[in-house]
């Protein structure tokens, strides 16, 4: 993975990645909250009940639920690590971009790969197991599930600025040994177009927009699950944004609705198209009436728009009964 020459640009890019809250319309649900830099210092309780300062201070600079990456939330924070302090080993339920503002951070990777950008713009990929030092101006991208921890082995505080795009409701960091929020649900189905309205415009006919209803059947625990995708497209030469809604109907009559937003990418010849989108749970009925969660949609189509889409939906669901 590569990150930009300036991790500050990565913060801006991460904001544009966006995020939708679960619930009603994305625009109506998007809210931004910004706090002053009022820091809260992490503490831990020993077996005797005494509270000990871990030396980790976190300032919440802002958070939001943008409308263009369903089921995720975006946080901007500044973390200060005192000399001798150490973060516990953890992972994130999403992507985090970090930049060192001052001090020297000792960064240990137990599992996964991180992309590091040095202050001079050079980049490197660091694979576990590994330990690297990050100094002022250095930055890195932590991918979902990367197991790591940081420590301050120097004599001056380490100050880090962080932008985190995480699953809605997930903690800012998840300690190793604690599972991710929710239960995994994977559905795979071939989706066929049932009805659609598509318009082709432009001097060369390269722009296509409209909607498409696709349906298919997946199998979960040996039971059929109906899948209906109502998708909107805006393509230029077969590539462009996709957004819409997916409804899953389970054998017991329960339903689960999700919102999707992503993109389609066509090959130069136009004979293959790949799809990728983020998913945010809107709600459901029956045993999914109180469900929340996030996920990812991937798919492919080997013929013209309106033909079969091979689809996979990877969801993490909380609140199902």
C-alpha atoms as a PDB file:
ATOM      1  CA  UNK A   1       0.000   0.000   0.000  1.00  0.00           C
ATOM      2  CA  UNK A   2       1.256   3.506  -0.833  1.00  0.00           C
ATOM      3  CA  UNK A   3       0.315   6.721   0.913  1.00  0.00           C
ATOM      4  CA  UNK A   4       0.720  10.239  -0.307  1.00  0.00           C
ATOM      5  CA  UNK A   5       3.864  12.286   0.050  1.00  0.00           C
ATOM      6  CA  UNK A   6       2.184  14.328   2.722  1.00  0.00           C
ATOM      7  CA  UNK A   7       0.242  12.480   5.382  1.00  0.00           C
ATOM      8  CA  UNK A   8      -1.557  15.739   5.995  1.00  0.00           C
ATOM      9  CA  UNK A   9      -3.070  15.219   2.546  1.00  0.00           C
ATOM     10  CA  UNK A  10      -4.004  11.734   3.666  1.00  0.00           C
ATOM     11  CA  UNK A  11      -6.056  13.245   6.485  1.00  0.00           C
ATOM     12  CA  UNK A  12      -7.971  15.298   3.935  1.00  0.00           C
ATOM     13  CA  UNK A  13      -8.363  12.277   1.687  1.00  0.00           C
ATOM     14  CA  UNK A  14      -9.675  10.226   4.554  1.00  0.00           C
ATOM     15  CA  UNK A  15     -12.284  12.858   5.248  1.00  0.00           C
ATOM     16  CA  UNK A  16     -13.413  12.579   1.628  1.00  0.00           C
ATOM     17  CA  UNK A  17     -13.647   8.791   1.943  1.00  0.00           C
ATOM     18  CA  UNK A  18     -16.634   9.491   4.036  1.00  0.00           C
ATOM     19  CA  UNK A  19     -18.921   7.603   6.167  1.00  0.00           C
ATOM     20  CA  UNK A  20     -22.643   7.050   6.531  1.00  0.00           C
ATOM     21  CA  UNK A  21     -24.396   6.440   9.779  1.00  0.00           C
ATOM     22  CA  UNK A  22     -26.839   3.638   9.945  1.00  0.00           C
ATOM     23  CA  UNK A  23     -30.346   4.899   9.709  1.00  0.00           C
ATOM     24  CA  UNK A  24     -32.412   7.157   7.499  1.00  0.00           C
ATOM     25  CA  UNK A  25     -31.214   9.313   4.629  1.00  0.00           C
ATOM     26  CA  UNK A  26     -27.495   9.926   4.523  1.00  0.00           C
ATOM     27  CA  UNK A  27     -27.762  13.656   4.194  1.00  0.00           C
ATOM     28  CA  UNK A  28     -30.112  13.981   7.104  1.00  0.00           C
ATOM     29  CA  UNK A  29     -28.033  11.700   9.288  1.00  0.00           C
ATOM     30  CA  UNK A  30     -24.673  13.345   8.717  1.00  0.00           C
ATOM     31  CA  UNK A  31     -23.592  15.268  11.781  1.00  0.00           C
ATOM     32  CA  UNK A  32     -20.313  16.785  12.803  1.00  0.00           C
ATOM     33  CA  UNK A  33     -19.172  17.331  16.339  1.00  0.00           C
ATOM     34  CA  UNK A  34     -16.009  19.233  17.143  1.00  0.00           C
ATOM     35  CA  UNK A  35     -14.615  19.664  20.596  1.00  0.00           C
ATOM     36  CA  UNK A  36     -11.929  21.883  21.961  1.00  0.00           C
ATOM     37  CA  UNK A  37      -8.708  20.104  22.752  1.00  0.00           C
ATOM     38  CA  UNK A  38      -9.849  18.939  26.158  1.00  0.00           C
ATOM     39  CA  UNK A  39      -7.691  15.954  26.877  1.00  0.00           C
ATOM     40  CA  UNK A  40      -8.704  12.912  28.841  1.00  0.00           C
ATOM     41  CA  UNK A  41      -6.011  10.776  30.378  1.00  0.00           C
ATOM     42  CA  UNK A  42      -6.383   6.998  30.265  1.00  0.00           C
ATOM     43  CA  UNK A  43      -6.232   5.217  33.590  1.00  0.00           C
ATOM     44  CA  UNK A  44      -6.235   1.601  34.638  1.00  0.00           C
ATOM     45  CA  UNK A  45      -7.337  -0.086  37.833  1.00  0.00           C
ATOM     46  CA  UNK A  46      -5.088  -2.519  39.618  1.00  0.00           C
ATOM     47  CA  UNK A  47      -6.236  -5.577  41.536  1.00  0.00           C
ATOM     48  CA  UNK A  48      -6.147  -3.568  44.751  1.00  0.00           C
ATOM     49  CA  UNK A  49      -8.493  -0.988  43.262  1.00  0.00           C
ATOM     50  CA  UNK A  50      -5.822   1.716  42.919  1.00  0.00           C
ATOM     51  CA  UNK A  51      -5.976   3.787  39.733  1.00  0.00           C
ATOM     52  CA  UNK A  52      -2.709   4.165  37.840  1.00  0.00           C
ATOM     53  CA  UNK A  53      -2.059   6.696  35.091  1.00  0.00           C
ATOM     54  CA  UNK A  54      -0.964   4.954  31.892  1.00  0.00           C
ATOM     55  CA  UNK A  55       0.687   8.115  30.562  1.00  0.00           C
ATOM     56  CA  UNK A  56      -1.544   8.205  27.481  1.00  0.00           C
ATOM     57  CA  UNK A  57      -3.491  11.446  26.914  1.00  0.00           C
ATOM     58  CA  UNK A  58      -6.077  11.679  24.148  1.00  0.00           C
ATOM     59  CA  UNK A  59      -7.598  14.922  22.813  1.00  0.00           C
ATOM     60  CA  UNK A  60     -10.720  14.583  20.683  1.00  0.00           C
ATOM     61  CA  UNK A  61     -10.501  17.170  17.911  1.00  0.00           C
ATOM     62  CA  UNK A  62     -13.668  16.204  16.051  1.00  0.00           C
ATOM     63  CA  UNK A  63     -15.833  13.409  14.731  1.00  0.00           C
ATOM     64  CA  UNK A  64     -18.397  13.038  11.997  1.00  0.00           C
ATOM     65  CA  UNK A  65     -20.534  10.602  10.054  1.00  0.00           C
ATOM     66  CA  UNK A  66     -20.113  11.700   6.413  1.00  0.00           C
ATOM     67  CA  UNK A  67     -22.506  10.371   3.838  1.00  0.00           C
ATOM     68  CA  UNK A  68     -20.298   8.534   1.352  1.00  0.00           C
ATOM     69  CA  UNK A  69     -19.015   5.427   3.162  1.00  0.00           C
ATOM     70  CA  UNK A  70     -21.968   3.694   4.830  1.00  0.00           C
ATOM     71  CA  UNK A  71     -21.737   2.370   8.354  1.00  0.00           C
ATOM     72  CA  UNK A  72     -18.517   4.112   9.336  1.00  0.00           C
ATOM     73  CA  UNK A  73     -17.471   7.036  11.500  1.00  0.00           C
ATOM     74  CA  UNK A  74     -14.529   9.410  11.165  1.00  0.00           C
ATOM     75  CA  UNK A  75     -12.461  10.697  14.099  1.00  0.00           C
ATOM     76  CA  UNK A  76      -9.666  13.254  14.359  1.00  0.00           C
ATOM     77  CA  UNK A  77      -7.547  13.030  17.513  1.00  0.00           C
ATOM     78  CA  UNK A  78      -4.253  14.014  19.058  1.00  0.00           C
ATOM     79  CA  UNK A  79      -2.564  11.484  21.318  1.00  0.00           C
ATOM     80  CA  UNK A  80       0.305  12.259  23.687  1.00  0.00           C
ATOM     81  CA  UNK A  81       2.476   9.441  25.048  1.00  0.00           C
ATOM     82  CA  UNK A  82       4.569  10.302  28.077  1.00  0.00           C
ATOM     83  CA  UNK A  83       8.205   9.113  28.370  1.00  0.00           C
ATOM     84  CA  UNK A  84       8.245   5.459  29.400  1.00  0.00           C
ATOM     85  CA  UNK A  85       4.569   4.918  28.546  1.00  0.00           C
ATOM     86  CA  UNK A  86       3.364   2.071  26.322  1.00  0.00           C
ATOM     87  CA  UNK A  87       0.094   1.427  24.531  1.00  0.00           C
ATOM     88  CA  UNK A  88      -1.403  -2.072  24.863  1.00  0.00           C
ATOM     89  CA  UNK A  89      -1.321  -4.339  21.829  1.00  0.00           C
ATOM     90  CA  UNK A  90      -4.436  -3.655  19.770  1.00  0.00           C
ATOM     91  CA  UNK A  91      -6.035  -3.358  16.340  1.00  0.00           C
ATOM     92  CA  UNK A  92      -8.575  -1.059  14.690  1.00  0.00           C
ATOM     93  CA  UNK A  93     -11.900  -1.933  13.103  1.00  0.00           C
ATOM     94  CA  UNK A  94     -11.136   0.278  10.135  1.00  0.00           C
ATOM     95  CA  UNK A  95      -8.311   2.383   8.701  1.00  0.00           C
ATOM     96  CA  UNK A  96      -6.175   4.852  10.632  1.00  0.00           C
ATOM     97  CA  UNK A  97      -3.730   7.473   9.344  1.00  0.00           C
ATOM     98  CA  UNK A  98      -1.160   8.835  11.791  1.00  0.00           C
ATOM     99  CA  UNK A  99       1.502  11.561  11.731  1.00  0.00           C
ATOM    100  CA  UNK A 100       4.152  12.224  14.364  1.00  0.00           C
ATOM    101  CA  UNK A 101       4.109  15.857  15.494  1.00  0.00           C
ATOM    102  CA  UNK A 102       6.961  15.575  18.006  1.00  0.00           C
ATOM    103  CA  UNK A 103       9.077  12.995  19.799  1.00  0.00           C
ATOM    104  CA  UNK A 104      10.194   9.525  18.693  1.00  0.00           C
ATOM    105  CA  UNK A 105       7.690   6.674  18.650  1.00  0.00           C
ATOM    106  CA  UNK A 106       8.796   3.052  18.854  1.00  0.00           C
ATOM    107  CA  UNK A 107       6.229   1.154  16.774  1.00  0.00           C
ATOM    108  CA  UNK A 108       5.872  -2.626  16.950  1.00  0.00           C
ATOM    109  CA  UNK A 109       3.876  -4.678  14.414  1.00  0.00           C
ATOM    110  CA  UNK A 110       2.814  -8.141  15.579  1.00  0.00           C
ATOM    111  CA  UNK A 111       0.606  -9.046  12.605  1.00  0.00           C
ATOM    112  CA  UNK A 112      -0.106  -7.385   9.272  1.00  0.00           C
ATOM    113  CA  UNK A 113       1.536  -4.689   7.155  1.00  0.00           C
ATOM    114  CA  UNK A 114       1.811  -0.922   7.624  1.00  0.00           C
ATOM    115  CA  UNK A 115       2.705   1.726   5.041  1.00  0.00           C
ATOM    116  CA  UNK A 116       5.177   4.324   6.331  1.00  0.00           C
ATOM    117  CA  UNK A 117       5.926   7.715   4.798  1.00  0.00           C
ATOM    118  CA  UNK A 118       9.066   9.420   6.071  1.00  0.00           C
ATOM    119  CA  UNK A 119       9.340  13.165   6.543  1.00  0.00           C
ATOM    120  CA  UNK A 120      11.406  13.429   3.352  1.00  0.00           C
ATOM    121  CA  UNK A 121       8.625  11.793   1.326  1.00  0.00           C
ATOM    122  CA  UNK A 122      10.184   8.349   0.946  1.00  0.00           C
ATOM    123  CA  UNK A 123       7.870   5.408   1.555  1.00  0.00           C
ATOM    124  CA  UNK A 124       8.344   1.915   2.886  1.00  0.00           C
ATOM    125  CA  UNK A 125       6.187  -1.112   3.553  1.00  0.00           C
ATOM    126  CA  UNK A 126       6.737  -2.724   6.950  1.00  0.00           C
ATOM    127  CA  UNK A 127       5.615  -6.323   7.458  1.00  0.00           C
ATOM    128  CA  UNK A 128       5.234  -8.147  10.763  1.00  0.00           C
ATOM    129  CA  UNK A 129       7.038  -8.994  12.871  1.00  0.00           C
ATOM    130  CA  UNK A 130       8.897  -5.706  12.885  1.00  0.00           C
ATOM    131  CA  UNK A 131       9.851  -2.699  15.001  1.00  0.00           C
ATOM    132  CA  UNK A 132      10.385   0.745  13.491  1.00  0.00           C
ATOM    133  CA  UNK A 133      11.018   4.204  14.923  1.00  0.00           C
ATOM    134  CA  UNK A 134       8.912   7.116  13.748  1.00  0.00           C
ATOM    135  CA  UNK A 135      10.135  10.677  14.184  1.00  0.00           C
ATOM    136  CA  UNK A 136       8.677  14.135  13.673  1.00  0.00           C
ATOM    137  CA  UNK A 137       7.056  14.414  10.242  1.00  0.00           C
ATOM    138  CA  UNK A 138       6.852  10.651   9.685  1.00  0.00           C
ATOM    139  CA  UNK A 139       3.459   9.093   9.058  1.00  0.00           C
ATOM    140  CA  UNK A 140       1.836   5.739   8.488  1.00  0.00           C
ATOM    141  CA  UNK A 141      -1.361   4.036   7.407  1.00  0.00           C
ATOM    142  CA  UNK A 142      -2.731   1.253   9.612  1.00  0.00           C
ATOM    143  CA  UNK A 143      -5.091  -1.088   7.807  1.00  0.00           C
ATOM    144  CA  UNK A 144      -8.016  -2.872   9.401  1.00  0.00           C
ATOM    145  CA  UNK A 145      -6.945  -5.694  11.698  1.00  0.00           C
ATOM    146  CA  UNK A 146      -3.261  -4.679  11.863  1.00  0.00           C
ATOM    147  CA  UNK A 147      -2.035  -5.838  15.298  1.00  0.00           C
ATOM    148  CA  UNK A 148       0.427  -3.343  16.761  1.00  0.00           C
ATOM    149  CA  UNK A 149       1.391  -1.138  19.672  1.00  0.00           C
ATOM    150  CA  UNK A 150       3.468   1.965  20.240  1.00  0.00           C
ATOM    151  CA  UNK A 151       5.722   3.093  23.067  1.00  0.00           C
ATOM    152  CA  UNK A 152       7.833   6.070  24.080  1.00  0.00           C
ATOM    153  CA  UNK A 153      11.337   4.962  24.961  1.00  0.00           C
ATOM    154  CA  UNK A 154      12.708   8.497  24.868  1.00  0.00           C
ATOM    155  CA  UNK A 155      12.845  11.393  27.312  1.00  0.00           C
ATOM    156  CA  UNK A 156      10.368  13.700  25.571  1.00  0.00           C
ATOM    157  CA  UNK A 157       6.615  13.232  25.012  1.00  0.00           C
ATOM    158  CA  UNK A 158       5.480  11.736  21.712  1.00  0.00           C
ATOM    159  CA  UNK A 159       2.603  13.651  20.115  1.00  0.00           C
ATOM    160  CA  UNK A 160       0.644  11.983  17.316  1.00  0.00           C
ATOM    161  CA  UNK A 161      -2.219  13.275  15.188  1.00  0.00           C
ATOM    162  CA  UNK A 162      -4.657  10.570  14.078  1.00  0.00           C
ATOM    163  CA  UNK A 163      -7.502  10.312  11.586  1.00  0.00           C
ATOM    164  CA  UNK A 164      -9.527   7.109  11.998  1.00  0.00           C
ATOM    165  CA  UNK A 165     -12.271   5.743   9.753  1.00  0.00           C
ATOM    166  CA  UNK A 166     -13.913   3.011  11.824  1.00  0.00           C
ATOM    167  CA  UNK A 167     -16.994   0.835  11.805  1.00  0.00           C
ATOM    168  CA  UNK A 168     -19.896   2.640  13.436  1.00  0.00           C
ATOM    169  CA  UNK A 169     -20.028   1.810  17.128  1.00  0.00           C
ATOM    170  CA  UNK A 170     -16.536   0.303  17.203  1.00  0.00           C
ATOM    171  CA  UNK A 171     -14.081   1.434  19.909  1.00  0.00           C
ATOM    172  CA  UNK A 172     -11.184   3.657  18.889  1.00  0.00           C
ATOM    173  CA  UNK A 173      -8.922   0.655  19.460  1.00  0.00           C
ATOM    174  CA  UNK A 174      -9.740  -2.988  20.131  1.00  0.00           C
ATOM    175  CA  UNK A 175      -7.394  -4.866  22.505  1.00  0.00           C
ATOM    176  CA  UNK A 176      -5.966  -8.115  21.204  1.00  0.00           C
ATOM    177  CA  UNK A 177      -8.084 -10.973  22.522  1.00  0.00           C
ATOM    178  CA  UNK A 178     -11.289  -8.976  22.198  1.00  0.00           C
ATOM    179  CA  UNK A 179     -13.367  -9.746  19.122  1.00  0.00           C
ATOM    180  CA  UNK A 180     -14.524  -7.147  16.652  1.00  0.00           C
ATOM    181  CA  UNK A 181     -17.944  -5.665  17.284  1.00  0.00           C
ATOM    182  CA  UNK A 182     -20.680  -7.948  15.959  1.00  0.00           C
ATOM    183  CA  UNK A 183     -21.063 -11.281  14.205  1.00  0.00           C
ATOM    184  CA  UNK A 184     -19.810 -12.044  10.710  1.00  0.00           C
ATOM    185  CA  UNK A 185     -22.389 -12.619   7.984  1.00  0.00           C
ATOM    186  CA  UNK A 186     -21.223 -13.528   4.465  1.00  0.00           C
ATOM    187  CA  UNK A 187     -23.561 -13.911   1.523  1.00  0.00           C
ATOM    188  CA  UNK A 188     -22.606 -14.861  -2.023  1.00  0.00           C
ATOM    189  CA  UNK A 189     -25.078 -14.721  -4.884  1.00  0.00           C
ATOM    190  CA  UNK A 190     -25.367 -14.330  -8.650  1.00  0.00           C
ATOM    191  CA  UNK A 191     -27.596 -11.294  -9.147  1.00  0.00           C
ATOM    192  CA  UNK A 192     -29.672 -10.980 -12.319  1.00  0.00           C
ATOM    193  CA  UNK A 193     -31.338  -7.834 -13.583  1.00  0.00           C
ATOM    194  CA  UNK A 194     -35.139  -7.858 -13.294  1.00  0.00           C
ATOM    195  CA  UNK A 195     -35.909  -4.309 -14.382  1.00  0.00           C
ATOM    196  CA  UNK A 196     -33.911  -1.202 -15.159  1.00  0.00           C
ATOM    197  CA  UNK A 197     -34.021   2.263 -16.643  1.00  0.00           C
ATOM    198  CA  UNK A 198     -30.771   3.388 -18.213  1.00  0.00           C
ATOM    199  CA  UNK A 199     -30.000   6.471 -20.285  1.00  0.00           C
ATOM    200  CA  UNK A 200     -27.018   6.995 -22.575  1.00  0.00           C
ATOM    201  CA  UNK A 201     -25.972  10.580 -23.277  1.00  0.00           C
ATOM    202  CA  UNK A 202     -23.017  12.629 -24.446  1.00  0.00           C
ATOM    203  CA  UNK A 203     -21.649  13.412 -27.894  1.00  0.00           C
ATOM    204  CA  UNK A 204     -19.878  10.064 -28.052  1.00  0.00           C
ATOM    205  CA  UNK A 205     -22.469   8.127 -26.034  1.00  0.00           C
ATOM    206  CA  UNK A 206     -19.962   7.405 -23.288  1.00  0.00           C
ATOM    207  CA  UNK A 207     -22.128   8.496 -20.340  1.00  0.00           C
ATOM    208  CA  UNK A 208     -24.678   6.082 -18.884  1.00  0.00           C
ATOM    209  CA  UNK A 209     -26.878   6.743 -15.873  1.00  0.00           C
ATOM    210  CA  UNK A 210     -29.952   5.188 -14.334  1.00  0.00           C
ATOM    211  CA  UNK A 211     -31.087   2.431 -11.998  1.00  0.00           C
ATOM    212  CA  UNK A 212     -31.083  -1.355 -12.007  1.00  0.00           C
ATOM    213  CA  UNK A 213     -32.956  -3.917  -9.891  1.00  0.00           C
ATOM    214  CA  UNK A 214     -31.024  -7.148  -9.429  1.00  0.00           C
ATOM    215  CA  UNK A 215     -32.123 -10.221  -7.486  1.00  0.00           C
ATOM    216  CA  UNK A 216     -30.607 -13.551  -6.532  1.00  0.00           C
ATOM    217  CA  UNK A 217     -30.401 -16.167  -3.805  1.00  0.00           C
ATOM    218  CA  UNK A 218     -27.638 -16.792  -1.270  1.00  0.00           C
ATOM    219  CA  UNK A 219     -27.342 -19.606   1.264  1.00  0.00           C
ATOM    220  CA  UNK A 220     -26.675 -19.115   4.989  1.00  0.00           C
ATOM    221  CA  UNK A 221     -26.522 -22.092   7.348  1.00  0.00           C
ATOM    222  CA  UNK A 222     -28.130 -24.255   4.678  1.00  0.00           C
ATOM    223  CA  UNK A 223     -31.120 -21.904   4.323  1.00  0.00           C
ATOM    224  CA  UNK A 224     -31.916 -19.718   1.284  1.00  0.00           C
ATOM    225  CA  UNK A 225     -31.631 -15.946   1.608  1.00  0.00           C
ATOM    226  CA  UNK A 226     -33.218 -13.713  -0.999  1.00  0.00           C
ATOM    227  CA  UNK A 227     -31.055 -10.798  -2.129  1.00  0.00           C
ATOM    228  CA  UNK A 228     -32.466  -7.708  -3.838  1.00  0.00           C
ATOM    229  CA  UNK A 229     -30.139  -4.898  -4.929  1.00  0.00           C
ATOM    230  CA  UNK A 230     -31.577  -1.575  -6.051  1.00  0.00           C
ATOM    231  CA  UNK A 231     -28.613   0.159  -7.635  1.00  0.00           C
ATOM    232  CA  UNK A 232     -28.061   3.574  -9.179  1.00  0.00           C
ATOM    233  CA  UNK A 233     -25.173   4.149 -11.568  1.00  0.00           C
ATOM    234  CA  UNK A 234     -23.432   7.076 -13.230  1.00  0.00           C
ATOM    235  CA  UNK A 235     -20.813   5.749 -15.645  1.00  0.00           C
ATOM    236  CA  UNK A 236     -18.350   7.231 -18.075  1.00  0.00           C
ATOM    237  CA  UNK A 237     -17.126   4.513 -20.436  1.00  0.00           C
ATOM    238  CA  UNK A 238     -18.389   1.871 -18.017  1.00  0.00           C
ATOM    239  CA  UNK A 239     -16.731   3.198 -14.852  1.00  0.00           C
ATOM    240  CA  UNK A 240     -18.106   5.434 -12.116  1.00  0.00           C
ATOM    241  CA  UNK A 241     -19.961   5.674  -8.827  1.00  0.00           C
ATOM    242  CA  UNK A 242     -22.586   3.208  -7.670  1.00  0.00           C
ATOM    243  CA  UNK A 243     -25.002   3.652  -4.791  1.00  0.00           C
ATOM    244  CA  UNK A 244     -28.223   2.101  -3.623  1.00  0.00           C
ATOM    245  CA  UNK A 245     -29.810  -0.370  -1.236  1.00  0.00           C
ATOM    246  CA  UNK A 246     -29.718  -4.114  -0.603  1.00  0.00           C
ATOM    247  CA  UNK A 247     -32.431  -6.123   1.147  1.00  0.00           C
ATOM    248  CA  UNK A 248     -31.820  -9.649   2.443  1.00  0.00           C
ATOM    249  CA  UNK A 249     -34.887 -11.810   3.163  1.00  0.00           C
ATOM    250  CA  UNK A 250     -34.193 -14.835   5.381  1.00  0.00           C
ATOM    251  CA  UNK A 251     -36.012 -18.159   5.559  1.00  0.00           C
ATOM    252  CA  UNK A 252     -37.778 -17.214   8.807  1.00  0.00           C
ATOM    253  CA  UNK A 253     -39.171 -14.036   7.233  1.00  0.00           C
ATOM    254  CA  UNK A 254     -36.684 -11.667   8.871  1.00  0.00           C
ATOM    255  CA  UNK A 255     -35.239  -8.959   6.661  1.00  0.00           C
ATOM    256  CA  UNK A 256     -32.075  -6.863   6.788  1.00  0.00           C
ATOM    257  CA  UNK A 257     -31.616  -3.638   4.846  1.00  0.00           C
ATOM    258  CA  UNK A 258     -28.310  -1.985   4.035  1.00  0.00           C
ATOM    259  CA  UNK A 259     -27.173   1.079   2.153  1.00  0.00           C
ATOM    260  CA  UNK A 260     -24.235   0.834  -0.242  1.00  0.00           C
ATOM    261  CA  UNK A 261     -21.890   3.321  -1.854  1.00  0.00           C
ATOM    262  CA  UNK A 262     -18.882   2.585  -3.999  1.00  0.00           C
ATOM    263  CA  UNK A 263     -17.595   2.419  -7.553  1.00  0.00           C
ATOM    264  CA  UNK A 264     -17.500   0.303 -10.688  1.00  0.00           C
ATOM    265  CA  UNK A 265     -14.294  -0.043 -12.677  1.00  0.00           C
ATOM    266  CA  UNK A 266     -14.357  -1.330 -16.255  1.00  0.00           C
ATOM    267  CA  UNK A 267     -11.381  -2.723 -18.150  1.00  0.00           C
ATOM    268  CA  UNK A 268     -10.120  -0.791 -21.148  1.00  0.00           C
ATOM    269  CA  UNK A 269     -11.952  -3.169 -23.478  1.00  0.00           C
ATOM    270  CA  UNK A 270     -15.132  -2.890 -21.461  1.00  0.00           C
ATOM    271  CA  UNK A 271     -15.650  -6.658 -21.282  1.00  0.00           C
ATOM    272  CA  UNK A 272     -15.042  -6.907 -17.513  1.00  0.00           C
ATOM    273  CA  UNK A 273     -16.309  -4.718 -14.686  1.00  0.00           C
ATOM    274  CA  UNK A 274     -15.339  -4.915 -11.006  1.00  0.00           C
ATOM    275  CA  UNK A 275     -17.465  -3.483  -8.195  1.00  0.00           C
ATOM    276  CA  UNK A 276     -16.520  -2.432  -4.665  1.00  0.00           C
ATOM    277  CA  UNK A 277     -18.638  -0.633  -2.083  1.00  0.00           C
ATOM    278  CA  UNK A 278     -19.008  -0.070   1.629  1.00  0.00           C
ATOM    279  CA  UNK A 279     -22.215  -1.164   3.359  1.00  0.00           C
ATOM    280  CA  UNK A 280     -24.078   0.311   6.314  1.00  0.00           C
ATOM    281  CA  UNK A 281     -26.977  -1.440   8.004  1.00  0.00           C
ATOM    282  CA  UNK A 282     -30.179   0.619   7.988  1.00  0.00           C
ATOM    283  CA  UNK A 283     -32.231  -1.817  10.092  1.00  0.00           C
ATOM    284  CA  UNK A 284     -34.402  -4.850   9.660  1.00  0.00           C
ATOM    285  CA  UNK A 285     -37.386  -6.853  10.807  1.00  0.00           C
ATOM    286  CA  UNK A 286     -37.790  -9.988  12.898  1.00  0.00           C
ATOM    287  CA  UNK A 287     -34.519 -11.036  14.470  1.00  0.00           C
ATOM    288  CA  UNK A 288     -32.759  -8.148  12.729  1.00  0.00           C
ATOM    289  CA  UNK A 289     -35.139  -5.459  14.025  1.00  0.00           C
ATOM    290  CA  UNK A 290     -32.408  -3.947  16.245  1.00  0.00           C
ATOM    291  CA  UNK A 291     -29.463  -4.761  13.985  1.00  0.00           C
ATOM    292  CA  UNK A 292     -26.608  -2.395  13.282  1.00  0.00           C
ATOM    293  CA  UNK A 293     -23.401  -3.025  11.395  1.00  0.00           C
ATOM    294  CA  UNK A 294     -21.123  -2.432   8.459  1.00  0.00           C
ATOM    295  CA  UNK A 295     -19.664  -4.377   5.593  1.00  0.00           C
ATOM    296  CA  UNK A 296     -18.136  -4.539   2.152  1.00  0.00           C
ATOM    297  CA  UNK A 297     -19.610  -5.486  -1.209  1.00  0.00           C
ATOM    298  CA  UNK A 298     -17.474  -6.852  -4.019  1.00  0.00           C
ATOM    299  CA  UNK A 299     -18.647  -8.104  -7.375  1.00  0.00           C
ATOM    300  CA  UNK A 300     -17.820  -8.646 -11.009  1.00  0.00           C
ATOM    301  CA  UNK A 301     -19.616  -8.650 -14.342  1.00  0.00           C
ATOM    302  CA  UNK A 302     -18.192 -10.199 -17.502  1.00  0.00           C
ATOM    303  CA  UNK A 303     -20.687  -8.792 -20.007  1.00  0.00           C
ATOM    304  CA  UNK A 304     -22.733  -5.676 -20.717  1.00  0.00           C
ATOM    305  CA  UNK A 305     -24.504  -3.510 -18.143  1.00  0.00           C
ATOM    306  CA  UNK A 306     -27.671  -5.288 -17.038  1.00  0.00           C
ATOM    307  CA  UNK A 307     -26.258  -8.817 -17.101  1.00  0.00           C
ATOM    308  CA  UNK A 308     -25.411 -11.133 -14.165  1.00  0.00           C
ATOM    309  CA  UNK A 309     -23.261  -9.730 -11.357  1.00  0.00           C
ATOM    310  CA  UNK A 310     -21.349 -12.238  -9.218  1.00  0.00           C
ATOM    311  CA  UNK A 311     -21.637 -10.712  -5.754  1.00  0.00           C
ATOM    312  CA  UNK A 312     -20.204 -11.152  -2.270  1.00  0.00           C
ATOM    313  CA  UNK A 313     -21.438  -9.269   0.792  1.00  0.00           C
ATOM    314  CA  UNK A 314     -19.235  -9.412   3.917  1.00  0.00           C
ATOM    315  CA  UNK A 315     -21.076  -7.923   6.883  1.00  0.00           C
ATOM    316  CA  UNK A 316     -20.450  -7.567  10.614  1.00  0.00           C
ATOM    317  CA  UNK A 317     -23.790  -7.430  12.416  1.00  0.00           C
ATOM    318  CA  UNK A 318     -24.526  -6.413  16.001  1.00  0.00           C
ATOM    319  CA  UNK A 319     -27.871  -6.451  17.769  1.00  0.00           C
ATOM    320  CA  UNK A 320     -29.396  -9.450  15.986  1.00  0.00           C
ATOM    321  CA  UNK A 321     -31.468 -11.753  18.178  1.00  0.00           C
END
